[in-house]
């Protein structure tokens, strides 16, 4: 996932603590724009460190994380989102390829053949 990418929320189930400290939460099925991607953190489990990819969304703003020394804004796990699949118009792509003209002035139909 990258900054500027459109994503759709696939999981909007949050525990009560999260609902209490966040000002805005994503809603399942709604499309959002990634504002920032960062390395998030998870609780240390059985002596192992683990991290997750965190996201800030252009459409939502939240208060600073009370447990982050730099007071980074509270974000969301990227696992709550799926990339939005944008439909491509294959017919217009084929038309554009047919409009290419070879240096000799002939249409592009035979230009790409080897």
N, C-alpha and C. Protein backbone atom coordinates (compact mmCIF):
# COMPACT_ATOMS: atom_id res chain seq x y z
N UNK A 1 0.84 -1.17 0.00
CA UNK A 1 0.00 0.00 0.00
C UNK A 1 0.89 1.24 0.00
N UNK A 2 0.47 2.23 -0.77
CA UNK A 2 1.29 3.43 -0.92
C UNK A 2 0.45 4.70 -0.73
N UNK A 3 1.13 5.78 -0.42
CA UNK A 3 0.49 7.07 -0.23
C UNK A 3 -0.28 7.45 -1.51
N UNK A 4 -1.52 7.90 -1.34
CA UNK A 4 -2.35 8.29 -2.47
C UNK A 4 -3.22 7.16 -3.01
N UNK A 5 -2.95 5.93 -2.61
CA UNK A 5 -3.72 4.78 -3.09
C UNK A 5 -5.11 4.77 -2.46
N UNK A 6 -6.10 4.32 -3.23
CA UNK A 6 -7.46 4.15 -2.73
C UNK A 6 -7.59 2.75 -2.14
N UNK A 7 -8.21 2.68 -0.96
CA UNK A 7 -8.44 1.40 -0.29
C UNK A 7 -9.87 1.36 0.21
N UNK A 8 -10.38 0.16 0.42
CA UNK A 8 -11.72 0.01 0.96
C UNK A 8 -11.62 -0.72 2.30
N UNK A 9 -12.36 -0.26 3.29
CA UNK A 9 -12.36 -0.88 4.62
C UNK A 9 -13.06 -2.23 4.55
N UNK A 10 -12.39 -3.25 5.09
CA UNK A 10 -12.98 -4.60 5.11
C UNK A 10 -13.24 -5.09 6.53
N UNK A 11 -12.81 -4.31 7.53
CA UNK A 11 -13.01 -4.70 8.93
C UNK A 11 -13.19 -3.45 9.77
N UNK A 12 -14.40 -3.21 10.24
CA UNK A 12 -14.65 -2.04 11.08
C UNK A 12 -15.10 -2.42 12.48
N UNK A 13 -14.68 -3.60 12.95
CA UNK A 13 -14.99 -4.05 14.28
C UNK A 13 -13.86 -3.63 15.22
N UNK A 14 -14.16 -2.74 16.16
CA UNK A 14 -13.16 -2.21 17.08
C UNK A 14 -13.59 -2.46 18.52
N UNK A 15 -12.61 -2.75 19.40
CA UNK A 15 -12.95 -2.90 20.81
C UNK A 15 -13.34 -1.55 21.43
N UNK A 16 -13.98 -1.58 22.58
CA UNK A 16 -14.48 -0.38 23.25
C UNK A 16 -13.37 0.63 23.52
N UNK A 17 -12.18 0.19 23.89
CA UNK A 17 -11.07 1.10 24.18
C UNK A 17 -10.71 1.93 22.95
N UNK A 18 -10.66 1.29 21.79
CA UNK A 18 -10.34 1.99 20.55
C UNK A 18 -11.43 3.01 20.23
N UNK A 19 -12.67 2.60 20.40
CA UNK A 19 -13.79 3.53 20.13
C UNK A 19 -13.73 4.74 21.07
N UNK A 20 -13.17 4.56 22.27
CA UNK A 20 -13.10 5.65 23.25
C UNK A 20 -11.98 6.64 22.93
N UNK A 21 -10.84 6.17 22.39
CA UNK A 21 -9.72 7.09 22.19
C UNK A 21 -9.62 7.67 20.78
N UNK A 22 -10.27 7.06 19.82
CA UNK A 22 -10.27 7.58 18.44
C UNK A 22 -11.43 8.55 18.26
N UNK A 23 -11.21 9.56 17.44
CA UNK A 23 -12.25 10.53 17.13
C UNK A 23 -13.06 10.04 15.92
N UNK A 24 -12.37 9.45 14.92
CA UNK A 24 -13.03 8.96 13.71
C UNK A 24 -12.52 7.56 13.38
N UNK A 25 -13.43 6.68 13.01
CA UNK A 25 -13.09 5.31 12.65
C UNK A 25 -13.59 5.00 11.24
N UNK A 26 -12.88 4.14 10.52
CA UNK A 26 -13.35 3.76 9.18
C UNK A 26 -14.59 2.87 9.26
N UNK A 27 -15.34 2.87 8.17
CA UNK A 27 -16.58 2.09 8.08
C UNK A 27 -16.42 1.06 6.97
N UNK A 28 -16.81 -0.16 7.26
CA UNK A 28 -16.71 -1.25 6.29
C UNK A 28 -17.43 -0.89 5.00
N UNK A 29 -16.74 -1.14 3.86
CA UNK A 29 -17.32 -0.89 2.56
C UNK A 29 -17.07 0.51 2.02
N UNK A 30 -16.54 1.41 2.85
CA UNK A 30 -16.28 2.79 2.43
C UNK A 30 -14.86 2.89 1.87
N UNK A 31 -14.69 3.70 0.83
CA UNK A 31 -13.38 3.89 0.19
C UNK A 31 -12.67 5.08 0.82
N UNK A 32 -11.37 4.90 1.06
CA UNK A 32 -10.52 5.93 1.66
C UNK A 32 -9.25 6.10 0.83
N UNK A 33 -8.57 7.22 1.05
CA UNK A 33 -7.30 7.52 0.38
C UNK A 33 -6.19 7.48 1.43
N UNK A 34 -5.12 6.74 1.14
CA UNK A 34 -4.01 6.66 2.08
C UNK A 34 -3.27 8.00 2.11
N UNK A 35 -3.20 8.59 3.29
CA UNK A 35 -2.50 9.86 3.49
C UNK A 35 -1.05 9.61 3.87
N UNK A 36 -0.81 8.55 4.64
CA UNK A 36 0.55 8.24 5.10
C UNK A 36 0.63 6.75 5.43
N UNK A 37 1.80 6.16 5.18
CA UNK A 37 2.07 4.78 5.52
C UNK A 37 3.21 4.79 6.54
N UNK A 38 3.07 4.03 7.62
CA UNK A 38 4.12 4.02 8.65
C UNK A 38 4.25 2.63 9.26
N UNK A 39 5.37 2.42 9.93
CA UNK A 39 5.59 1.16 10.63
C UNK A 39 4.91 1.26 11.98
N UNK A 40 3.89 0.44 12.17
CA UNK A 40 3.15 0.45 13.43
C UNK A 40 3.76 -0.52 14.41
N UNK A 41 3.15 -0.64 15.53
CA UNK A 41 3.65 -1.57 16.53
C UNK A 41 2.50 -2.40 17.08
N UNK A 42 2.86 -3.56 17.57
CA UNK A 42 1.90 -4.42 18.23
C UNK A 42 2.46 -4.77 19.59
N UNK A 43 1.64 -5.32 20.44
CA UNK A 43 2.12 -5.74 21.74
C UNK A 43 3.17 -6.82 21.57
N UNK A 44 4.15 -6.81 22.47
CA UNK A 44 5.18 -7.85 22.45
C UNK A 44 4.57 -9.12 23.03
N UNK A 45 4.66 -10.19 22.26
CA UNK A 45 4.07 -11.45 22.68
C UNK A 45 5.16 -12.50 22.81
N UNK A 46 5.27 -13.12 23.98
CA UNK A 46 6.23 -14.19 24.25
C UNK A 46 7.66 -13.79 23.86
N UNK A 47 8.04 -12.58 24.21
CA UNK A 47 9.42 -12.14 23.98
C UNK A 47 9.74 -11.77 22.54
N UNK A 48 8.80 -11.85 21.64
CA UNK A 48 9.06 -11.52 20.24
C UNK A 48 8.53 -10.14 19.90
N UNK A 49 9.27 -9.45 19.07
CA UNK A 49 8.80 -8.14 18.61
C UNK A 49 8.10 -8.33 17.27
N UNK A 50 7.01 -7.66 17.10
CA UNK A 50 6.34 -7.71 15.80
C UNK A 50 5.85 -6.32 15.47
N UNK A 51 5.72 -6.07 14.21
CA UNK A 51 5.25 -4.76 13.76
C UNK A 51 4.23 -4.98 12.66
N UNK A 52 3.51 -3.95 12.37
CA UNK A 52 2.50 -4.00 11.33
C UNK A 52 2.60 -2.70 10.52
N UNK A 53 2.03 -2.71 9.34
CA UNK A 53 1.99 -1.51 8.53
C UNK A 53 0.77 -0.71 8.96
N UNK A 54 1.00 0.54 9.32
CA UNK A 54 -0.08 1.40 9.75
C UNK A 54 -0.42 2.41 8.67
N UNK A 55 -1.65 2.87 8.70
CA UNK A 55 -2.12 3.83 7.70
C UNK A 55 -2.80 5.02 8.37
N UNK A 56 -2.56 6.19 7.80
CA UNK A 56 -3.35 7.37 8.10
C UNK A 56 -4.16 7.63 6.84
N UNK A 57 -5.42 8.01 7.02
CA UNK A 57 -6.32 8.19 5.89
C UNK A 57 -6.68 9.65 5.70
N UNK A 58 -6.73 10.09 4.45
CA UNK A 58 -7.01 11.49 4.14
C UNK A 58 -8.38 11.92 4.66
N UNK A 59 -9.33 11.03 4.68
CA UNK A 59 -10.70 11.38 5.04
C UNK A 59 -10.94 11.37 6.56
N UNK A 60 -10.00 10.83 7.33
CA UNK A 60 -10.16 10.73 8.78
C UNK A 60 -8.98 11.34 9.50
N UNK A 61 -9.23 12.06 10.60
CA UNK A 61 -8.15 12.56 11.45
C UNK A 61 -8.44 12.16 12.88
N UNK A 62 -7.39 11.85 13.61
CA UNK A 62 -7.53 11.40 14.98
C UNK A 62 -6.51 12.08 15.87
N UNK A 63 -6.71 11.99 17.19
CA UNK A 63 -5.77 12.62 18.12
C UNK A 63 -4.43 11.88 18.13
N UNK A 64 -3.42 12.49 18.76
CA UNK A 64 -2.12 11.82 18.88
C UNK A 64 -2.23 10.54 19.71
N UNK A 65 -1.38 9.59 19.40
CA UNK A 65 -1.30 8.33 20.14
C UNK A 65 -0.73 8.64 21.54
N UNK A 66 -1.49 8.37 22.60
CA UNK A 66 -1.01 8.70 23.95
C UNK A 66 0.21 7.87 24.38
N UNK A 67 0.49 6.78 23.68
CA UNK A 67 1.62 5.92 24.05
C UNK A 67 2.83 6.11 23.14
N UNK A 68 2.76 7.06 22.22
CA UNK A 68 3.87 7.30 21.27
C UNK A 68 4.62 8.55 21.72
N UNK A 69 5.96 8.42 21.90
CA UNK A 69 6.75 9.54 22.38
C UNK A 69 6.66 10.75 21.46
N UNK A 70 6.62 10.51 20.16
CA UNK A 70 6.54 11.60 19.19
C UNK A 70 5.13 12.11 18.98
N UNK A 71 4.17 11.56 19.72
CA UNK A 71 2.76 11.95 19.60
C UNK A 71 2.22 11.81 18.18
N UNK A 72 2.64 10.72 17.52
CA UNK A 72 2.13 10.44 16.17
C UNK A 72 0.62 10.24 16.23
N UNK A 73 -0.08 10.66 15.19
CA UNK A 73 -1.53 10.50 15.11
C UNK A 73 -1.90 9.02 15.16
N UNK A 74 -2.99 8.72 15.84
CA UNK A 74 -3.49 7.36 15.88
C UNK A 74 -3.87 6.92 14.47
N UNK A 75 -3.38 5.77 14.04
CA UNK A 75 -3.67 5.26 12.70
C UNK A 75 -4.36 3.91 12.77
N UNK A 76 -4.38 3.25 11.64
CA UNK A 76 -5.09 1.98 11.52
C UNK A 76 -4.18 0.92 10.89
N UNK A 77 -4.38 -0.32 11.28
CA UNK A 77 -3.64 -1.42 10.68
C UNK A 77 -4.05 -1.57 9.21
N UNK A 78 -3.06 -1.77 8.35
CA UNK A 78 -3.35 -1.94 6.92
C UNK A 78 -4.18 -3.20 6.67
N UNK A 79 -4.19 -4.12 7.63
CA UNK A 79 -4.97 -5.35 7.46
C UNK A 79 -6.48 -5.10 7.48
N UNK A 80 -6.88 -3.93 7.90
CA UNK A 80 -8.31 -3.57 7.90
C UNK A 80 -8.80 -3.10 6.53
N UNK A 81 -7.86 -3.02 5.55
CA UNK A 81 -8.19 -2.45 4.24
C UNK A 81 -7.73 -3.34 3.10
N UNK A 82 -8.43 -3.24 1.99
CA UNK A 82 -8.04 -3.93 0.76
C UNK A 82 -7.87 -2.87 -0.32
N UNK A 83 -6.88 -3.07 -1.19
CA UNK A 83 -6.71 -2.11 -2.30
C UNK A 83 -7.97 -2.08 -3.15
N UNK A 84 -8.35 -0.89 -3.56
CA UNK A 84 -9.51 -0.74 -4.43
C UNK A 84 -9.11 -1.16 -5.83
N UNK A 85 -9.86 -2.07 -6.40
CA UNK A 85 -9.57 -2.54 -7.75
C UNK A 85 -10.27 -1.63 -8.73
N UNK A 86 -9.46 -0.84 -9.44
CA UNK A 86 -10.03 0.07 -10.42
C UNK A 86 -10.21 -0.66 -11.74
N UNK A 87 -11.37 -0.49 -12.33
CA UNK A 87 -11.66 -1.15 -13.61
C UNK A 87 -10.95 -0.43 -14.74
N UNK A 88 -10.40 -1.22 -15.65
CA UNK A 88 -9.76 -0.62 -16.82
C UNK A 88 -10.66 -0.84 -18.02
N UNK A 89 -10.66 0.08 -18.94
CA UNK A 89 -11.47 -0.01 -20.14
C UNK A 89 -10.60 -0.60 -21.25
N UNK A 90 -10.65 -1.93 -21.38
CA UNK A 90 -9.80 -2.61 -22.36
C UNK A 90 -10.13 -2.21 -23.79
N UNK A 91 -11.38 -1.89 -24.04
CA UNK A 91 -11.74 -1.55 -25.41
C UNK A 91 -11.08 -0.24 -25.84
N UNK A 92 -10.98 0.73 -24.94
CA UNK A 92 -10.34 1.98 -25.32
C UNK A 92 -8.84 1.78 -25.48
N UNK A 93 -8.24 0.86 -24.72
CA UNK A 93 -6.81 0.59 -24.86
C UNK A 93 -6.54 -0.01 -26.24
N UNK A 94 -7.42 -0.88 -26.71
CA UNK A 94 -7.26 -1.48 -28.03
C UNK A 94 -7.41 -0.45 -29.13
N UNK A 95 -8.33 0.49 -28.93
CA UNK A 95 -8.52 1.55 -29.92
C UNK A 95 -7.29 2.44 -30.01
N UNK A 96 -6.69 2.74 -28.85
CA UNK A 96 -5.50 3.59 -28.85
C UNK A 96 -4.36 2.92 -29.59
N UNK A 97 -4.19 1.60 -29.39
CA UNK A 97 -3.12 0.88 -30.07
C UNK A 97 -3.34 0.90 -31.58
N UNK A 98 -4.59 0.83 -32.03
CA UNK A 98 -4.90 0.85 -33.46
C UNK A 98 -4.66 2.21 -34.09
N UNK A 99 -4.55 3.24 -33.27
CA UNK A 99 -4.34 4.58 -33.80
C UNK A 99 -2.87 4.88 -34.05
N UNK A 100 -1.96 4.02 -33.61
CA UNK A 100 -0.54 4.26 -33.84
C UNK A 100 -0.23 4.18 -35.32
N UNK A 101 0.65 5.04 -35.76
CA UNK A 101 1.01 5.07 -37.17
C UNK A 101 2.49 4.81 -37.32
N UNK A 102 2.83 3.91 -38.22
CA UNK A 102 4.22 3.55 -38.50
C UNK A 102 4.91 4.71 -39.20
N UNK A 103 6.23 4.76 -39.11
CA UNK A 103 7.00 5.86 -39.71
C UNK A 103 6.70 6.03 -41.19
N UNK A 104 6.39 4.96 -41.91
CA UNK A 104 6.10 5.03 -43.33
C UNK A 104 4.69 5.51 -43.63
N UNK A 105 3.91 5.82 -42.59
CA UNK A 105 2.57 6.34 -42.80
C UNK A 105 1.50 5.27 -42.79
N UNK A 106 1.85 3.99 -42.57
CA UNK A 106 0.85 2.93 -42.53
C UNK A 106 0.28 2.83 -41.12
N UNK A 107 -0.90 2.24 -41.02
CA UNK A 107 -1.51 2.10 -39.70
C UNK A 107 -0.68 1.15 -38.85
N UNK A 108 -0.92 1.21 -37.53
CA UNK A 108 -0.13 0.44 -36.59
C UNK A 108 -0.41 -1.05 -36.58
N UNK A 109 -1.32 -1.54 -37.38
CA UNK A 109 -1.69 -2.96 -37.32
C UNK A 109 -0.50 -3.87 -37.54
N UNK A 110 0.37 -3.57 -38.48
CA UNK A 110 1.52 -4.44 -38.72
C UNK A 110 2.78 -3.96 -38.03
N UNK A 111 2.73 -2.82 -37.41
CA UNK A 111 3.90 -2.20 -36.79
C UNK A 111 4.49 -3.03 -35.66
N UNK A 112 3.61 -3.66 -34.85
CA UNK A 112 4.07 -4.36 -33.66
C UNK A 112 4.40 -5.82 -33.92
N UNK A 113 4.21 -6.31 -35.10
CA UNK A 113 4.50 -7.73 -35.39
C UNK A 113 5.99 -7.90 -35.63
N UNK A 114 6.54 -9.04 -35.16
CA UNK A 114 7.97 -9.30 -35.37
C UNK A 114 8.17 -10.47 -36.30
